[in-house]
Amino acid sequence: MIVDGKKVTTGSFNFTAAAQDRNAENLLTIDDAEVAKKYTENWYRRKEQSKPASIDVKVLWR
């Protein structure tokens, strides 16, 4: 997660009670605008290379 172009929060942490209380997850916040810039550039490169998702399967459960 890139916050205000100044901070980056990264890791395996899911924002749930289980993640906070029971699971072995990690979260790292980097307060560095240059690092945030690199993460932002990487995100846009990935976005440019991405393609729309399509679902061509039946839903077997509801």
N, C-alpha and C. Protein backbone atom coordinates (compact mmCIF):
# COMPACT_ATOMS: atom_id res chain seq x y z
N MET A 1 0.85 -1.15 0.00
CA MET A 1 0.00 0.00 0.00
C MET A 1 0.91 1.23 0.00
N ILE A 2 0.63 2.16 -0.88
CA ILE A 2 1.40 3.40 -0.95
C ILE A 2 0.52 4.50 -0.36
N VAL A 3 1.04 5.19 0.65
CA VAL A 3 0.25 6.18 1.37
C VAL A 3 0.79 7.58 1.09
N ASP A 4 -0.04 8.40 0.46
CA ASP A 4 0.28 9.81 0.21
C ASP A 4 1.60 10.02 -0.52
N GLY A 5 2.06 9.02 -1.27
CA GLY A 5 3.32 9.15 -1.99
C GLY A 5 4.53 9.29 -1.09
N LYS A 6 4.35 8.99 0.20
CA LYS A 6 5.43 9.19 1.18
C LYS A 6 5.80 7.92 1.94
N LYS A 7 4.84 7.02 2.09
CA LYS A 7 5.07 5.81 2.89
C LYS A 7 4.63 4.59 2.10
N VAL A 8 5.26 3.47 2.41
CA VAL A 8 4.88 2.19 1.82
C VAL A 8 4.61 1.23 2.96
N THR A 9 3.50 0.54 2.89
CA THR A 9 3.19 -0.53 3.83
C THR A 9 3.13 -1.81 3.03
N THR A 10 3.92 -2.79 3.42
CA THR A 10 4.02 -4.02 2.66
C THR A 10 4.10 -5.21 3.61
N GLY A 11 3.82 -6.38 3.11
CA GLY A 11 3.92 -7.60 3.91
C GLY A 11 2.76 -8.53 3.64
N SER A 12 2.66 -9.55 4.47
CA SER A 12 1.62 -10.57 4.28
C SER A 12 0.39 -10.32 5.14
N PHE A 13 0.37 -9.25 5.88
CA PHE A 13 -0.70 -8.98 6.83
C PHE A 13 -2.04 -8.76 6.14
N ASN A 14 -3.06 -9.46 6.61
CA ASN A 14 -4.44 -9.23 6.18
C ASN A 14 -5.12 -8.45 7.30
N PHE A 15 -5.89 -7.47 6.96
CA PHE A 15 -6.50 -6.61 7.96
C PHE A 15 -7.75 -7.27 8.53
N THR A 16 -7.52 -8.33 9.31
CA THR A 16 -8.59 -9.09 9.96
C THR A 16 -8.21 -9.32 11.42
N ALA A 17 -9.20 -9.67 12.23
CA ALA A 17 -8.93 -9.98 13.63
C ALA A 17 -8.01 -11.19 13.75
N ALA A 18 -8.23 -12.20 12.92
CA ALA A 18 -7.38 -13.40 12.96
C ALA A 18 -5.93 -13.05 12.65
N ALA A 19 -5.72 -12.21 11.67
CA ALA A 19 -4.35 -11.80 11.32
C ALA A 19 -3.69 -11.08 12.48
N GLN A 20 -4.45 -10.25 13.13
CA GLN A 20 -3.90 -9.47 14.23
C GLN A 20 -3.66 -10.32 15.47
N ASP A 21 -4.57 -11.25 15.77
CA ASP A 21 -4.52 -11.95 17.04
C ASP A 21 -3.91 -13.35 17.00
N ARG A 22 -4.03 -14.06 15.86
CA ARG A 22 -3.63 -15.47 15.86
C ARG A 22 -2.61 -15.87 14.81
N ASN A 23 -2.65 -15.25 13.66
CA ASN A 23 -1.80 -15.70 12.56
C ASN A 23 -0.39 -15.11 12.64
N ALA A 24 0.54 -15.79 12.01
CA ALA A 24 1.92 -15.30 11.94
C ALA A 24 2.07 -14.50 10.64
N GLU A 25 1.63 -13.27 10.67
CA GLU A 25 1.70 -12.41 9.49
C GLU A 25 2.61 -11.23 9.79
N ASN A 26 3.07 -10.56 8.75
CA ASN A 26 3.98 -9.44 8.98
C ASN A 26 3.53 -8.20 8.23
N LEU A 27 3.95 -7.08 8.74
CA LEU A 27 3.61 -5.78 8.15
C LEU A 27 4.81 -4.87 8.37
N LEU A 28 5.26 -4.24 7.31
CA LEU A 28 6.40 -3.34 7.39
C LEU A 28 5.99 -2.00 6.78
N THR A 29 6.20 -0.92 7.52
CA THR A 29 5.93 0.42 7.01
C THR A 29 7.26 1.13 6.81
N ILE A 30 7.46 1.63 5.60
CA ILE A 30 8.69 2.33 5.24
C ILE A 30 8.32 3.79 5.00
N ASP A 31 8.85 4.68 5.81
CA ASP A 31 8.55 6.11 5.72
C ASP A 31 9.66 6.78 4.91
N ASP A 32 9.56 6.66 3.59
CA ASP A 32 10.61 7.17 2.70
C ASP A 32 9.98 7.48 1.35
N ALA A 33 9.94 8.75 0.99
CA ALA A 33 9.28 9.17 -0.26
C ALA A 33 9.94 8.55 -1.49
N GLU A 34 11.25 8.35 -1.47
CA GLU A 34 11.94 7.76 -2.62
C GLU A 34 11.53 6.30 -2.79
N VAL A 35 11.40 5.57 -1.70
CA VAL A 35 10.93 4.18 -1.77
C VAL A 35 9.49 4.17 -2.27
N ALA A 36 8.66 5.07 -1.77
CA ALA A 36 7.27 5.15 -2.23
C ALA A 36 7.21 5.44 -3.72
N LYS A 37 8.10 6.29 -4.21
CA LYS A 37 8.16 6.60 -5.64
C LYS A 37 8.48 5.35 -6.45
N LYS A 38 9.44 4.56 -5.98
CA LYS A 38 9.82 3.32 -6.69
C LYS A 38 8.66 2.33 -6.70
N TYR A 39 7.96 2.19 -5.59
CA TYR A 39 6.80 1.30 -5.53
C TYR A 39 5.72 1.79 -6.49
N THR A 40 5.50 3.10 -6.55
CA THR A 40 4.49 3.66 -7.45
C THR A 40 4.85 3.41 -8.90
N GLU A 41 6.11 3.63 -9.25
CA GLU A 41 6.57 3.37 -10.62
C GLU A 41 6.36 1.91 -10.99
N ASN A 42 6.70 1.02 -10.07
CA ASN A 42 6.52 -0.42 -10.31
C ASN A 42 5.05 -0.75 -10.51
N TRP A 43 4.18 -0.15 -9.71
CA TRP A 43 2.74 -0.41 -9.82
C TRP A 43 2.23 -0.01 -11.20
N TYR A 44 2.64 1.16 -11.67
CA TYR A 44 2.19 1.62 -12.99
C TYR A 44 2.75 0.75 -14.12
N ARG A 45 3.99 0.27 -13.97
CA ARG A 45 4.53 -0.65 -14.99
C ARG A 45 3.69 -1.91 -15.05
N ARG A 46 3.35 -2.45 -13.90
CA ARG A 46 2.52 -3.67 -13.85
C ARG A 46 1.13 -3.39 -14.43
N LYS A 47 0.57 -2.24 -14.12
CA LYS A 47 -0.76 -1.89 -14.64
C LYS A 47 -0.74 -1.84 -16.16
N GLU A 48 0.30 -1.25 -16.73
CA GLU A 48 0.41 -1.16 -18.19
C GLU A 48 0.50 -2.53 -18.85
N GLN A 49 1.08 -3.50 -18.16
CA GLN A 49 1.25 -4.84 -18.71
C GLN A 49 0.04 -5.74 -18.45
N SER A 50 -0.89 -5.28 -17.65
CA SER A 50 -2.01 -6.13 -17.26
C SER A 50 -3.08 -6.19 -18.34
N LYS A 51 -3.91 -7.21 -18.22
CA LYS A 51 -5.04 -7.39 -19.14
C LYS A 51 -6.30 -7.59 -18.30
N PRO A 52 -7.46 -7.21 -18.83
CA PRO A 52 -8.70 -7.42 -18.08
C PRO A 52 -8.92 -8.91 -17.81
N ALA A 53 -9.44 -9.20 -16.65
CA ALA A 53 -9.77 -10.58 -16.31
C ALA A 53 -11.11 -10.95 -16.92
N SER A 54 -11.24 -12.20 -17.28
CA SER A 54 -12.54 -12.68 -17.76
C SER A 54 -12.82 -14.02 -17.09
N ILE A 55 -14.07 -14.25 -16.83
CA ILE A 55 -14.48 -15.49 -16.18
C ILE A 55 -15.35 -16.25 -17.16
N ASP A 56 -14.87 -17.40 -17.59
CA ASP A 56 -15.59 -18.23 -18.55
C ASP A 56 -15.99 -19.57 -17.94
N VAL A 57 -16.35 -19.56 -16.68
CA VAL A 57 -16.71 -20.81 -16.01
C VAL A 57 -18.09 -20.67 -15.38
N LYS A 58 -18.73 -21.81 -15.16
CA LYS A 58 -20.01 -21.82 -14.47
C LYS A 58 -19.78 -21.65 -12.97
N VAL A 59 -20.69 -20.99 -12.34
CA VAL A 59 -20.66 -20.91 -10.89
C VAL A 59 -21.33 -22.16 -10.37
N LEU A 60 -20.58 -22.97 -9.62
CA LEU A 60 -21.09 -24.25 -9.15
C LEU A 60 -21.62 -24.18 -7.72
N TRP A 61 -21.47 -23.08 -7.07
CA TRP A 61 -21.96 -22.93 -5.71
C TRP A 61 -22.55 -21.54 -5.55
N ARG A 62 -23.40 -21.41 -4.58
CA ARG A 62 -24.00 -20.11 -4.27
C ARG A 62 -24.17 -19.97 -2.80
